PDB file of N, CA and C in Angstrom:
ATOM      1  N   MET A   1     120.191  75.693 102.596  1.00  0.00           N
ATOM      2  CA  MET A   1     120.284  77.308 102.474  1.00  0.00           C
ATOM      3  C   MET A   1     121.477  77.997 102.347  1.00  0.00           C
ATOM      4  N   ARG A   2     121.469  78.978 101.732  1.00  0.00           N
ATOM      5  CA  ARG A   2     122.657  79.506 101.168  1.00  0.00           C
ATOM      6  C   ARG A   2     123.278  80.852 102.167  1.00  0.00           C
ATOM      7  N   ASP A   3     124.466  80.872 102.102  1.00  0.00           N
ATOM      8  CA  ASP A   3     125.229  81.953 102.535  1.00  0.00           C
ATOM      9  C   ASP A   3     124.558  83.109 102.069  1.00  0.00           C
ATOM     10  N   LEU A   4     124.384  84.266 102.968  1.00  0.00           N
ATOM     11  CA  LEU A   4     123.531  85.563 102.413  1.00  0.00           C
ATOM     12  C   LEU A   4     124.849  86.446 101.511  1.00  0.00           C
ATOM     13  N   ASP A   5     125.989  86.313 101.966  1.00  0.00           N
ATOM     14  CA  ASP A   5     127.039  86.867 101.050  1.00  0.00           C
ATOM     15  C   ASP A   5     127.133  86.468  99.606  1.00  0.00           C
ATOM     16  N   ASP A   6     127.096  85.022  99.506  1.00  0.00           N
ATOM     17  CA  ASP A   6     127.150  84.297  98.578  1.00  0.00           C
ATOM     18  C   ASP A   6     125.842  84.766  97.578  1.00  0.00           C
ATOM     19  N   LEU A   7     124.694  84.499  98.184  1.00  0.00           N
ATOM     20  CA  LEU A   7     123.480  84.790  97.638  1.00  0.00           C
ATOM     21  C   LEU A   7     123.289  86.120  96.970  1.00  0.00           C
ATOM     22  N   PHE A   8     123.731  87.106  97.735  1.00  0.00           N
ATOM     23  CA  PHE A   8     123.338  88.667  97.194  1.00  0.00           C
ATOM     24  C   PHE A   8     124.570  88.802  96.127  1.00  0.00           C
ATOM     25  N   ALA A   9     125.737  88.282  96.164  1.00  0.00           N
ATOM     26  CA  ALA A   9     126.603  88.363  95.151  1.00  0.00           C
ATOM     27  C   ALA A   9     125.991  87.911  93.954  1.00  0.00           C
ATOM     28  N   ALA A  10     125.421  86.786  93.871  1.00  0.00           N
ATOM     29  CA  ALA A  10     124.683  85.987  92.818  1.00  0.00           C
ATOM     30  C   ALA A  10     123.770  86.812  92.324  1.00  0.00           C
ATOM     31  N   LEU A  11     122.916  87.394  93.051  1.00  0.00           N
ATOM     32  CA  LEU A  11     121.615  88.000  92.678  1.00  0.00           C
ATOM     33  C   LEU A  11     122.138  89.536  91.953  1.00  0.00           C
ATOM     34  N   GLU A  12     123.165  89.810  92.287  1.00  0.00           N
ATOM     35  CA  GLU A  12     123.548  91.121  91.820  1.00  0.00           C
ATOM     36  C   GLU A  12     124.126  91.139  90.517  1.00  0.00           C
ATOM     37  N   ARG A  13     124.576  89.786  90.002  1.00  0.00           N
ATOM     38  CA  ARG A  13     125.071  89.285  88.711  1.00  0.00           C
ATOM     39  C   ARG A  13     123.912  89.008  87.626  1.00  0.00           C
ATOM     40  N   SER A  14     122.517  88.714  88.439  1.00  0.00           N
ATOM     41  CA  SER A  14     121.453  88.464  87.661  1.00  0.00           C
ATOM     42  C   SER A  14     120.649  89.777  87.007  1.00  0.00           C
ATOM     43  N   GLU A  15     120.688  89.888  85.874  1.00  0.00           N
ATOM     44  CA  GLU A  15     120.160  91.059  85.188  1.00  0.00           C
ATOM     45  C   GLU A  15     118.742  91.186  85.688  1.00  0.00           C
ATOM     46  N   PHE A  16     117.953  90.049  85.785  1.00  0.00           N
ATOM     47  CA  PHE A  16     116.599  89.943  85.919  1.00  0.00           C
ATOM     48  C   PHE A  16     116.417  90.422  87.391  1.00  0.00           C
ATOM     49  N   ARG A  17     117.153  89.687  88.421  1.00  0.00           N
ATOM     50  CA  ARG A  17     116.834  89.996  89.720  1.00  0.00           C
ATOM     51  C   ARG A  17     117.529  91.292  90.131  1.00  0.00           C
ATOM     52  N   SER A  18     118.443  91.761  89.761  1.00  0.00           N
ATOM     53  CA  SER A  18     119.127  93.248  89.902  1.00  0.00           C
ATOM     54  C   SER A  18     118.273  94.427  89.651  1.00  0.00           C
ATOM     55  N   ARG A  19     117.200  94.184  88.732  1.00  0.00           N
ATOM     56  CA  ARG A  19     116.455  95.384  88.224  1.00  0.00           C
ATOM     57  C   ARG A  19     115.298  95.923  89.086  1.00  0.00           C
ATOM     58  N   PHE A  20     115.095  94.808  90.094  1.00  0.00           N
ATOM     59  CA  PHE A  20     113.784  95.207  91.010  1.00  0.00           C
ATOM     60  C   PHE A  20     114.214  96.298  91.834  1.00  0.00           C
ATOM     61  N   ARG A  21     113.398  97.229  92.077  1.00  0.00           N
ATOM     62  CA  ARG A  21     113.571  98.267  92.988  1.00  0.00           C
ATOM     63  C   ARG A  21     112.215  98.810  93.634  1.00  0.00           C
ATOM     64  N   LEU A  22     112.021  99.060  95.013  1.00  0.00           N
ATOM     65  CA  LEU A  22     110.874  99.549  95.325  1.00  0.00           C
ATOM     66  C   LEU A  22     110.492 100.711  94.692  1.00  0.00           C
ATOM     67  N   GLY A  23     109.276 100.820  94.334  1.00  0.00           N
ATOM     68  CA  GLY A  23     108.491 102.050  93.616  1.00  0.00           C
ATOM     69  C   GLY A  23     108.106 102.926  94.576  1.00  0.00           C
ATOM     70  N   PRO A  24     107.678 104.231  94.396  1.00  0.00           N
ATOM     71  CA  PRO A  24     107.177 105.065  95.287  1.00  0.00           C
ATOM     72  C   PRO A  24     106.198 104.692  96.310  1.00  0.00           C
ATOM     73  N   LYS A  25     105.106 104.015  95.674  1.00  0.00           N
ATOM     74  CA  LYS A  25     104.120 103.506  96.615  1.00  0.00           C
ATOM     75  C   LYS A  25     104.587 102.563  97.682  1.00  0.00           C
ATOM     76  N   GLU A  26     105.448 101.341  97.266  1.00  0.00           N
ATOM     77  CA  GLU A  26     106.038 100.493  98.032  1.00  0.00           C
ATOM     78  C   GLU A  26     106.783 101.048  99.093  1.00  0.00           C
ATOM     79  N   ARG A  27     107.601 102.094  98.722  1.00  0.00           N
ATOM     80  CA  ARG A  27     108.447 102.776  99.844  1.00  0.00           C
ATOM     81  C   ARG A  27     107.627 103.630 100.704  1.00  0.00           C
ATOM     82  N   ALA A  28     106.729 104.302 100.328  1.00  0.00           N
ATOM     83  CA  ALA A  28     105.796 105.145 101.167  1.00  0.00           C
ATOM     84  C   ALA A  28     105.339 104.073 102.270  1.00  0.00           C
ATOM     85  N   TYR A  29     104.706 102.993 101.552  1.00  0.00           N
ATOM     86  CA  TYR A  29     104.070 102.039 102.524  1.00  0.00           C
ATOM     87  C   TYR A  29     105.075 101.635 103.535  1.00  0.00           C
ATOM     88  N   LEU A  30     106.145 101.190 103.069  1.00  0.00           N
ATOM     89  CA  LEU A  30     107.145 100.663 104.060  1.00  0.00           C
ATOM     90  C   LEU A  30     107.369 101.480 105.238  1.00  0.00           C
ATOM     91  N   HIS A  31     107.561 102.804 104.814  1.00  0.00           N
ATOM     92  CA  HIS A  31     107.766 103.855 105.868  1.00  0.00           C
ATOM     93  C   HIS A  31     106.608 104.234 106.547  1.00  0.00           C
ATOM     94  N   GLU A  32     105.476 104.103 106.186  1.00  0.00           N
ATOM     95  CA  GLU A  32     104.322 104.215 106.997  1.00  0.00           C
ATOM     96  C   GLU A  32     103.845 103.172 107.905  1.00  0.00           C
ATOM     97  N   LYS A  33     104.250 101.995 107.600  1.00  0.00           N
ATOM     98  CA  LYS A  33     103.873 100.601 108.388  1.00  0.00           C
ATOM     99  C   LYS A  33     105.055 100.291 109.405  1.00  0.00           C
ATOM    100  N   THR A  34     106.265 100.766 109.000  1.00  0.00           N
ATOM    101  CA  THR A  34     107.519 100.122 109.687  1.00  0.00           C
ATOM    102  C   THR A  34     107.794  98.815 109.161  1.00  0.00           C
ATOM    103  N   LEU A  35     109.151  98.808 109.275  1.00  0.00           N
ATOM    104  CA  LEU A  35     109.520  97.319 108.645  1.00  0.00           C
ATOM    105  C   LEU A  35     109.080  96.125 109.632  1.00  0.00           C
ATOM    106  N   ALA A  36     108.893  96.320 110.915  1.00  0.00           N
ATOM    107  CA  ALA A  36     108.314  95.268 111.635  1.00  0.00           C
ATOM    108  C   ALA A  36     106.999  94.606 111.057  1.00  0.00           C
ATOM    109  N   VAL A  37     106.099  95.723 110.868  1.00  0.00           N
ATOM    110  CA  VAL A  37     104.795  95.336 110.304  1.00  0.00           C
ATOM    111  C   VAL A  37     104.895  94.784 108.918  1.00  0.00           C
ATOM    112  N   ILE A  38     105.770  95.223 108.090  1.00  0.00           N
ATOM    113  CA  ILE A  38     105.754  94.788 106.577  1.00  0.00           C
ATOM    114  C   ILE A  38     106.264  93.177 107.043  1.00  0.00           C
ATOM    115  N   LEU A  39     107.338  93.086 107.702  1.00  0.00           N
ATOM    116  CA  LEU A  39     107.830  91.579 107.683  1.00  0.00           C
ATOM    117  C   LEU A  39     106.890  90.803 108.382  1.00  0.00           C
ATOM    118  N   GLU A  40     105.920  91.217 109.143  1.00  0.00           N
ATOM    119  CA  GLU A  40     104.824  90.259 109.652  1.00  0.00           C
ATOM    120  C   GLU A  40     103.671  90.178 108.569  1.00  0.00           C
ATOM    121  N   HIS A  41     103.462  90.987 107.695  1.00  0.00           N
ATOM    122  CA  HIS A  41     102.855  90.600 106.507  1.00  0.00           C
ATOM    123  C   HIS A  41     103.710  89.842 105.660  1.00  0.00           C
ATOM    124  N   GLY A  42     104.854  89.852 105.569  1.00  0.00           N
ATOM    125  CA  GLY A  42     105.866  89.080 104.902  1.00  0.00           C
ATOM    126  C   GLY A  42     105.574  87.460 105.314  1.00  0.00           C
ATOM    127  N   ARG A  43     105.589  87.268 106.506  1.00  0.00           N
ATOM    128  CA  ARG A  43     105.509  86.070 107.141  1.00  0.00           C
ATOM    129  C   ARG A  43     104.320  85.545 106.774  1.00  0.00           C
ATOM    130  N   ARG A  44     103.101  86.289 106.716  1.00  0.00           N
ATOM    131  CA  ARG A  44     101.875  85.702 106.409  1.00  0.00           C
ATOM    132  C   ARG A  44     101.950  85.389 104.872  1.00  0.00           C
ATOM    133  N   PHE A  45     102.445  86.126 104.135  1.00  0.00           N
ATOM    134  CA  PHE A  45     102.530  85.648 102.749  1.00  0.00           C
ATOM    135  C   PHE A  45     103.271  84.447 102.409  1.00  0.00           C
ATOM    136  N   VAL A  46     104.560  84.282 103.140  1.00  0.00           N
ATOM    137  CA  VAL A  46     105.332  83.185 102.944  1.00  0.00           C
ATOM    138  C   VAL A  46     104.766  82.008 103.430  1.00  0.00           C
ATOM    139  N   ILE A  47     103.913  81.980 104.622  1.00  0.00           N
ATOM    140  CA  ILE A  47     103.339  80.727 105.294  1.00  0.00           C
ATOM    141  C   ILE A  47     102.105  80.265 104.062  1.00  0.00           C
ATOM    142  N   GLY A  48     101.479  81.348 103.705  1.00  0.00           N
ATOM    143  CA  GLY A  48     100.414  80.968 102.809  1.00  0.00           C
ATOM    144  C   GLY A  48     100.485  80.632 101.471  1.00  0.00           C
ATOM    145  N   ARG A  49     101.687  81.261 100.972  1.00  0.00           N
ATOM    146  CA  ARG A  49     101.788  81.197  99.385  1.00  0.00           C
ATOM    147  C   ARG A  49     103.024  80.343  99.076  1.00  0.00           C
ATOM    148  N   LEU A  50     104.108  80.266  99.990  1.00  0.00           N
ATOM    149  CA  LEU A  50     105.366  79.608  99.647  1.00  0.00           C
ATOM    150  C   LEU A  50     105.565  78.316 100.506  1.00  0.00           C
ATOM    151  N   ALA A  51     104.940  78.375 101.753  1.00  0.00           N
ATOM    152  CA  ALA A  51     105.437  77.110 102.516  1.00  0.00           C
ATOM    153  C   ALA A  51     104.871  75.797 102.327  1.00  0.00           C
ATOM    154  N   PRO A  52     103.662  75.908 101.745  1.00  0.00           N
ATOM    155  CA  PRO A  52     103.065  74.580 101.455  1.00  0.00           C
ATOM    156  C   PRO A  52     103.963  73.537 100.367  1.00  0.00           C
ATOM    157  N   ALA A  53     103.929  72.478 100.612  1.00  0.00           N
ATOM    158  CA  ALA A  53     104.715  71.394  99.895  1.00  0.00           C
ATOM    159  C   ALA A  53     104.528  71.765  98.527  1.00  0.00           C
ATOM    160  N   GLN A  54     103.135  71.841  97.889  1.00  0.00           N
ATOM    161  CA  GLN A  54     102.799  71.979  96.564  1.00  0.00           C
ATOM    162  C   GLN A  54     101.836  73.396  96.657  1.00  0.00           C
ATOM    163  N   PRO A  55     102.380  74.589  96.535  1.00  0.00           N
ATOM    164  CA  PRO A  55     101.799  75.937  96.789  1.00  0.00           C
ATOM    165  C   PRO A  55     100.764  75.916  95.426  1.00  0.00           C
ATOM    166  N   ALA A  56      99.730  76.400  95.642  1.00  0.00           N
ATOM    167  CA  ALA A  56      98.695  76.893  94.719  1.00  0.00           C
ATOM    168  C   ALA A  56      99.466  77.847  93.587  1.00  0.00           C
ATOM    169  N   ALA A  57      99.131  77.561  92.470  1.00  0.00           N
ATOM    170  CA  ALA A  57      99.790  78.492  91.269  1.00  0.00           C
ATOM    171  C   ALA A  57     101.214  78.643  91.366  1.00  0.00           C
ATOM    172  N   ASP A  58     101.842  77.753  91.878  1.00  0.00           N
ATOM    173  CA  ASP A  58     103.425  78.002  92.072  1.00  0.00           C
ATOM    174  C   ASP A  58     104.001  78.405  90.876  1.00  0.00           C
ATOM    175  N   GLY A  59     104.907  79.581  90.993  1.00  0.00           N
ATOM    176  CA  GLY A  59     105.645  80.099  89.695  1.00  0.00           C
ATOM    177  C   GLY A  59     104.784  81.469  89.483  1.00  0.00           C
ATOM    178  N   ARG A  60     103.528  81.510  89.918  1.00  0.00           N
ATOM    179  CA  ARG A  60     102.649  82.756  89.524  1.00  0.00           C
ATOM    180  C   ARG A  60     102.084  83.193  90.856  1.00  0.00           C
ATOM    181  N   GLN A  61     102.345  82.662  91.958  1.00  0.00           N
ATOM    182  CA  GLN A  61     101.482  83.034  93.211  1.00  0.00           C
ATOM    183  C   GLN A  61     101.908  84.446  93.848  1.00  0.00           C
ATOM    184  N   THR A  62     103.093  85.120  93.354  1.00  0.00           N
ATOM    185  CA  THR A  62     103.654  86.396  94.024  1.00  0.00           C
ATOM    186  C   THR A  62     103.539  87.477  93.157  1.00  0.00           C
ATOM    187  N   PRO A  63     102.728  88.426  93.247  1.00  0.00           N
ATOM    188  CA  PRO A  63     102.664  89.612  92.365  1.00  0.00           C
ATOM    189  C   PRO A  63     104.017  90.160  92.206  1.00  0.00           C
ATOM    190  N   MET A  64     104.106  91.012  91.125  1.00  0.00           N
ATOM    191  CA  MET A  64     105.451  91.692  90.759  1.00  0.00           C
ATOM    192  C   MET A  64     105.576  93.116  91.654  1.00  0.00           C
ATOM    193  N   ARG A  65     104.378  93.460  91.953  1.00  0.00           N
ATOM    194  CA  ARG A  65     104.321  94.857  92.598  1.00  0.00           C
ATOM    195  C   ARG A  65     103.323  94.905  93.606  1.00  0.00           C
ATOM    196  N   GLY A  66     103.147  96.258  94.390  1.00  0.00           N
ATOM    197  CA  GLY A  66     101.977  96.296  95.326  1.00  0.00           C
ATOM    198  C   GLY A  66     102.196  96.255  96.620  1.00  0.00           C
ATOM    199  N   HIS A  67     103.266  95.502  96.971  1.00  0.00           N
ATOM    200  CA  HIS A  67     103.712  95.443  98.408  1.00  0.00           C
ATOM    201  C   HIS A  67     105.092  95.290  98.328  1.00  0.00           C
ATOM    202  N   PRO A  68     105.874  95.963  99.399  1.00  0.00           N
ATOM    203  CA  PRO A  68     107.245  95.790  99.462  1.00  0.00           C
ATOM    204  C   PRO A  68     107.836  94.397  99.670  1.00  0.00           C
ATOM    205  N   VAL A  69     106.991  93.545 100.035  1.00  0.00           N
ATOM    206  CA  VAL A  69     107.475  92.215 100.234  1.00  0.00           C
ATOM    207  C   VAL A  69     107.540  91.420  98.775  1.00  0.00           C
ATOM    208  N   PHE A  70     106.560  91.883  98.186  1.00  0.00           N
ATOM    209  CA  PHE A  70     106.415  91.204  96.737  1.00  0.00           C
ATOM    210  C   PHE A  70     107.670  91.759  95.969  1.00  0.00           C
ATOM    211  N   VAL A  71     107.992  92.747  95.967  1.00  0.00           N
ATOM    212  CA  VAL A  71     109.283  93.256  95.335  1.00  0.00           C
ATOM    213  C   VAL A  71     110.443  92.591  95.666  1.00  0.00           C
ATOM    214  N   ALA A  72     110.463  92.620  96.953  1.00  0.00           N
ATOM    215  CA  ALA A  72     111.788  91.989  97.597  1.00  0.00           C
ATOM    216  C   ALA A  72     111.719  90.627  97.290  1.00  0.00           C
ATOM    217  N   GLN A  73     110.838  89.764  97.253  1.00  0.00           N
ATOM    218  CA  GLN A  73     110.735  88.344  96.842  1.00  0.00           C
ATOM    219  C   GLN A  73     111.066  87.949  95.439  1.00  0.00           C
ATOM    220  N   HIS A  74     110.863  88.921  94.642  1.00  0.00           N
ATOM    221  CA  HIS A  74     111.195  88.866  93.268  1.00  0.00           C
ATOM    222  C   HIS A  74     112.749  88.999  93.184  1.00  0.00           C
ATOM    223  N   ALA A  75     113.149  90.242  93.889  1.00  0.00           N
ATOM    224  CA  ALA A  75     114.547  90.615  93.712  1.00  0.00           C
ATOM    225  C   ALA A  75     115.446  89.568  94.618  1.00  0.00           C
ATOM    226  N   THR A  76     114.997  88.889  95.404  1.00  0.00           N
ATOM    227  CA  THR A  76     115.939  87.764  96.151  1.00  0.00           C
ATOM    228  C   THR A  76     115.577  86.284  95.889  1.00  0.00           C
ATOM    229  N   ALA A  77     114.534  86.233  94.895  1.00  0.00           N
ATOM    230  CA  ALA A  77     114.341  84.924  94.214  1.00  0.00           C
ATOM    231  C   ALA A  77     113.574  83.987  95.392  1.00  0.00           C
ATOM    232  N   THR A  78     112.734  84.702  96.206  1.00  0.00           N
ATOM    233  CA  THR A  78     112.089  83.967  97.354  1.00  0.00           C
ATOM    234  C   THR A  78     110.457  84.123  96.816  1.00  0.00           C
ATOM    235  N   CYS A  79     110.428  84.233  95.464  1.00  0.00           N
ATOM    236  CA  CYS A  79     108.912  84.167  94.902  1.00  0.00           C
ATOM    237  C   CYS A  79     108.266  82.898  94.845  1.00  0.00           C
ATOM    238  N   CYS A  80     108.889  81.890  94.728  1.00  0.00           N
ATOM    239  CA  CYS A  80     108.198  80.624  94.369  1.00  0.00           C
ATOM    240  C   CYS A  80     109.207  79.348  94.722  1.00  0.00           C
ATOM    241  N   ARG A  81     108.707  78.271  94.740  1.00  0.00           N
ATOM    242  CA  ARG A  81     109.362  76.977  95.156  1.00  0.00           C
ATOM    243  C   ARG A  81     110.575  76.710  94.144  1.00  0.00           C
ATOM    244  N   GLY A  82     110.255  76.953  92.905  1.00  0.00           N
ATOM    245  CA  GLY A  82     111.442  76.774  91.977  1.00  0.00           C
ATOM    246  C   GLY A  82     112.594  77.727  92.082  1.00  0.00           C
ATOM    247  N   CYS A  83     112.278  78.868  92.429  1.00  0.00           N
ATOM    248  CA  CYS A  83     113.439  79.914  92.846  1.00  0.00           C
ATOM    249  C   CYS A  83     113.954  79.536  94.121  1.00  0.00           C
ATOM    250  N   LEU A  84     113.199  79.172  94.930  1.00  0.00           N
ATOM    251  CA  LEU A  84     113.844  78.578  96.396  1.00  0.00           C
ATOM    252  C   LEU A  84     114.916  77.506  96.046  1.00  0.00           C
ATOM    253  N   ALA A  85     114.444  76.551  95.347  1.00  0.00           N
ATOM    254  CA  ALA A  85     115.368  75.457  94.946  1.00  0.00           C
ATOM    255  C   ALA A  85     116.774  76.003  94.137  1.00  0.00           C
ATOM    256  N   LYS A  86     116.316  76.626  93.087  1.00  0.00           N
ATOM    257  CA  LYS A  86     117.624  77.090  92.361  1.00  0.00           C
ATOM    258  C   LYS A  86     118.561  78.079  92.899  1.00  0.00           C
ATOM    259  N   TRP A  87     117.949  79.119  93.836  1.00  0.00           N
ATOM    260  CA  TRP A  87     118.838  80.211  94.149  1.00  0.00           C
ATOM    261  C   TRP A  87     119.251  79.865  95.779  1.00  0.00           C
ATOM    262  N   HIS A  88     118.317  79.214  96.543  1.00  0.00           N
ATOM    263  CA  HIS A  88     118.574  79.169  98.100  1.00  0.00           C
ATOM    264  C   HIS A  88     118.882  77.788  98.457  1.00  0.00           C
ATOM    265  N   TYR A  89     118.662  76.662  97.475  1.00  0.00           N
ATOM    266  CA  TYR A  89     119.178  75.311  97.958  1.00  0.00           C
ATOM    267  C   TYR A  89     117.885  74.606  98.635  1.00  0.00           C
ATOM    268  N   ILE A  90     116.711  75.093  98.559  1.00  0.00           N
ATOM    269  CA  ILE A  90     115.595  74.565  99.313  1.00  0.00           C
ATOM    270  C   ILE A  90     114.886  73.718  98.655  1.00  0.00           C
ATOM    271  N   SER A  91     114.774  72.379  99.007  1.00  0.00           N
ATOM    272  CA  SER A  91     114.184  71.278  98.174  1.00  0.00           C
ATOM    273  C   SER A  91     112.523  71.737  97.802  1.00  0.00           C
ATOM    274  N   GLN A  92     112.084  71.489  96.767  1.00  0.00           N
ATOM    275  CA  GLN A  92     110.755  71.493  96.595  1.00  0.00           C
ATOM    276  C   GLN A  92     110.101  70.018  97.008  1.00  0.00           C
ATOM    277  N   GLY A  93     108.799  70.147  96.941  1.00  0.00           N
ATOM    278  CA  GLY A  93     107.804  68.926  97.345  1.00  0.00           C
ATOM    279  C   GLY A  93     107.834  68.639  98.773  1.00  0.00           C
ATOM    280  N   LYS A  94     108.210  69.386  99.699  1.00  0.00           N
ATOM    281  CA  LYS A  94     107.886  69.243 101.251  1.00  0.00           C
ATOM    282  C   LYS A  94     107.728  70.747 101.793  1.00  0.00           C
ATOM    283  N   PRO A  95     106.751  70.830 102.825  1.00  0.00           N
ATOM    284  CA  PRO A  95     106.629  71.920 103.491  1.00  0.00           C
ATOM    285  C   PRO A  95     107.753  72.605 104.044  1.00  0.00           C
ATOM    286  N   LEU A  96     107.845  74.136 103.907  1.00  0.00           N
ATOM    287  CA  LEU A  96     109.066  74.850 104.439  1.00  0.00           C
ATOM    288  C   LEU A  96     108.968  74.537 105.899  1.00  0.00           C
ATOM    289  N   SER A  97     109.963  74.264 106.689  1.00  0.00           N
ATOM    290  CA  SER A  97     110.268  74.316 108.088  1.00  0.00           C
ATOM    291  C   SER A  97     110.112  75.646 108.564  1.00  0.00           C
ATOM    292  N   ASP A  98     110.186  75.929 109.928  1.00  0.00           N
ATOM    293  CA  ASP A  98     109.956  77.117 110.712  1.00  0.00           C
ATOM    294  C   ASP A  98     111.247  77.780 110.384  1.00  0.00           C
ATOM    295  N   GLU A  99     112.441  76.992 110.325  1.00  0.00           N
ATOM    296  CA  GLU A  99     113.724  77.598 110.176  1.00  0.00           C
ATOM    297  C   GLU A  99     113.966  78.108 108.717  1.00  0.00           C
ATOM    298  N   GLN A 100     113.307  77.431 107.703  1.00  0.00           N
ATOM    299  CA  GLN A 100     113.294  77.915 106.320  1.00  0.00           C
ATOM    300  C   GLN A 100     112.552  79.122 106.325  1.00  0.00           C
ATOM    301  N   ILE A 101     111.508  79.106 106.664  1.00  0.00           N
ATOM    302  CA  ILE A 101     110.546  80.429 106.604  1.00  0.00           C
ATOM    303  C   ILE A 101     111.210  81.546 107.501  1.00  0.00           C
ATOM    304  N   ASP A 102     112.013  81.453 108.514  1.00  0.00           N
ATOM    305  CA  ASP A 102     112.664  82.468 109.074  1.00  0.00           C
ATOM    306  C   ASP A 102     113.881  82.988 108.196  1.00  0.00           C
ATOM    307  N   TYR A 103     114.476  81.903 107.464  1.00  0.00           N
ATOM    308  CA  TYR A 103     115.579  82.304 106.432  1.00  0.00           C
ATOM    309  C   TYR A 103     115.112  83.179 105.339  1.00  0.00           C
ATOM    310  N   VAL A 104     113.830  82.709 104.794  1.00  0.00           N
ATOM    311  CA  VAL A 104     113.361  83.390 103.882  1.00  0.00           C
ATOM    312  C   VAL A 104     112.999  84.904 104.320  1.00  0.00           C
ATOM    313  N   LEU A 105     112.534  85.295 105.406  1.00  0.00           N
ATOM    314  CA  LEU A 105     112.205  86.497 105.639  1.00  0.00           C
ATOM    315  C   LEU A 105     113.452  87.163 106.377  1.00  0.00           C
ATOM    316  N   TRP A 106     114.499  86.662 106.570  1.00  0.00           N
ATOM    317  CA  TRP A 106     115.807  87.316 106.777  1.00  0.00           C
ATOM    318  C   TRP A 106     116.239  87.773 105.573  1.00  0.00           C
ATOM    319  N   VAL A 107     116.179  86.929 104.443  1.00  0.00           N
ATOM    320  CA  VAL A 107     116.714  87.391 103.029  1.00  0.00           C
ATOM    321  C   VAL A 107     115.835  88.631 102.623  1.00  0.00           C
ATOM    322  N   ILE A 108     114.371  88.599 102.939  1.00  0.00           N
ATOM    323  CA  ILE A 108     113.775  89.696 102.562  1.00  0.00           C
ATOM    324  C   ILE A 108     114.030  90.838 103.348  1.00  0.00           C
ATOM    325  N   GLU A 109     114.024  90.669 104.585  1.00  0.00           N
ATOM    326  CA  GLU A 109     114.537  91.815 105.432  1.00  0.00           C
ATOM    327  C   GLU A 109     115.930  92.511 104.992  1.00  0.00           C
ATOM    328  N   THR A 110     116.944  91.612 104.757  1.00  0.00           N
ATOM    329  CA  THR A 110     118.231  91.906 104.400  1.00  0.00           C
ATOM    330  C   THR A 110     118.003  93.010 103.048  1.00  0.00           C
ATOM    331  N   TRP A 111     117.336  92.528 101.994  1.00  0.00           N
ATOM    332  CA  TRP A 111     117.121  93.233 100.905  1.00  0.00           C
ATOM    333  C   TRP A 111     116.471  94.621 101.110  1.00  0.00           C
ATOM    334  N   LEU A 112     115.551  94.535 101.916  1.00  0.00           N
ATOM    335  CA  LEU A 112     114.502  95.792 102.180  1.00  0.00           C
ATOM    336  C   LEU A 112     115.398  96.812 102.675  1.00  0.00           C
ATOM    337  N   LYS A 113     116.234  96.389 103.689  1.00  0.00           N
ATOM    338  CA  LYS A 113     117.134  97.220 104.506  1.00  0.00           C
ATOM    339  C   LYS A 113     118.109  97.821 103.619  1.00  0.00           C
ATOM    340  N   ALA A 114     118.771  97.021 102.746  1.00  0.00           N
ATOM    341  CA  ALA A 114     119.863  97.450 101.716  1.00  0.00           C
ATOM    342  C   ALA A 114     119.090  98.380 100.550  1.00  0.00           C
ATOM    343  N   GLU A 115     117.941  98.123 100.191  1.00  0.00           N
ATOM    344  CA  GLU A 115     116.992  99.005  99.284  1.00  0.00           C
ATOM    345  C   GLU A 115     116.664 100.429  99.779  1.00  0.00           C
ATOM    346  N   ASP A 116     116.379 100.315 101.203  1.00  0.00           N
ATOM    347  CA  ASP A 116     116.073 101.521 101.750  1.00  0.00           C
ATOM    348  C   ASP A 116     116.609 101.671 103.108  1.00  0.00           C
ATOM    349  N   PRO A 117     117.774 102.212 103.242  1.00  0.00           N
ATOM    350  CA  PRO A 117     118.488 102.333 104.796  1.00  0.00           C
ATOM    351  C   PRO A 117     117.910 103.047 105.557  1.00  0.00           C
ATOM    352  N   ALA A 118     116.946 104.145 105.124  1.00  0.00           N
ATOM    353  CA  ALA A 118     116.196 104.868 106.054  1.00  0.00           C
ATOM    354  C   ALA A 118     115.184 104.118 106.760  1.00  0.00           C
ATOM    355  N   VAL A 119     114.682 103.127 106.487  1.00  0.00           N
ATOM    356  CA  VAL A 119     113.507 102.419 106.873  1.00  0.00           C
ATOM    357  C   VAL A 119     113.794 102.225 108.354  1.00  0.00           C
ATOM    358  N   GLU A 120     112.875 102.258 109.078  1.00  0.00           N
ATOM    359  CA  GLU A 120     112.883 101.919 110.721  1.00  0.00           C
ATOM    360  C   GLU A 120     112.183 100.661 110.866  1.00  0.00           C
ATOM    361  N   ASP A 121     112.767 100.060 112.131  1.00  0.00           N
ATOM    362  CA  ASP A 121     112.319  98.794 112.607  1.00  0.00           C
ATOM    363  C   ASP A 121     111.205  99.208 113.269  1.00  0.00           C
TER     364      ASP A 121
END
């Protein structure tokens, strides 16, 4: 797993990753539900779509919009196992550990708080 300062510096240099922003609907949903609820949704998404050793439709399992976590996943390269391997040094081919799941959620949370500093826990 990668140091967050190093990770976010690299993500900022990526033209593709740095273009992701919360849209009005995702931002409103984030404020309506609170960060804690959104992160619980994120935990379910990560466990169901990313944590298996061979996720279904890997590389296409995360929508580009529609939920704050989906946008954050693309912005932080936590959207598929290939991106996790390339950007976060998390090997493909074996299930994510609890520690790796927590790390992914920490990355998502960090991005969401930076994207919208007014969000409430």
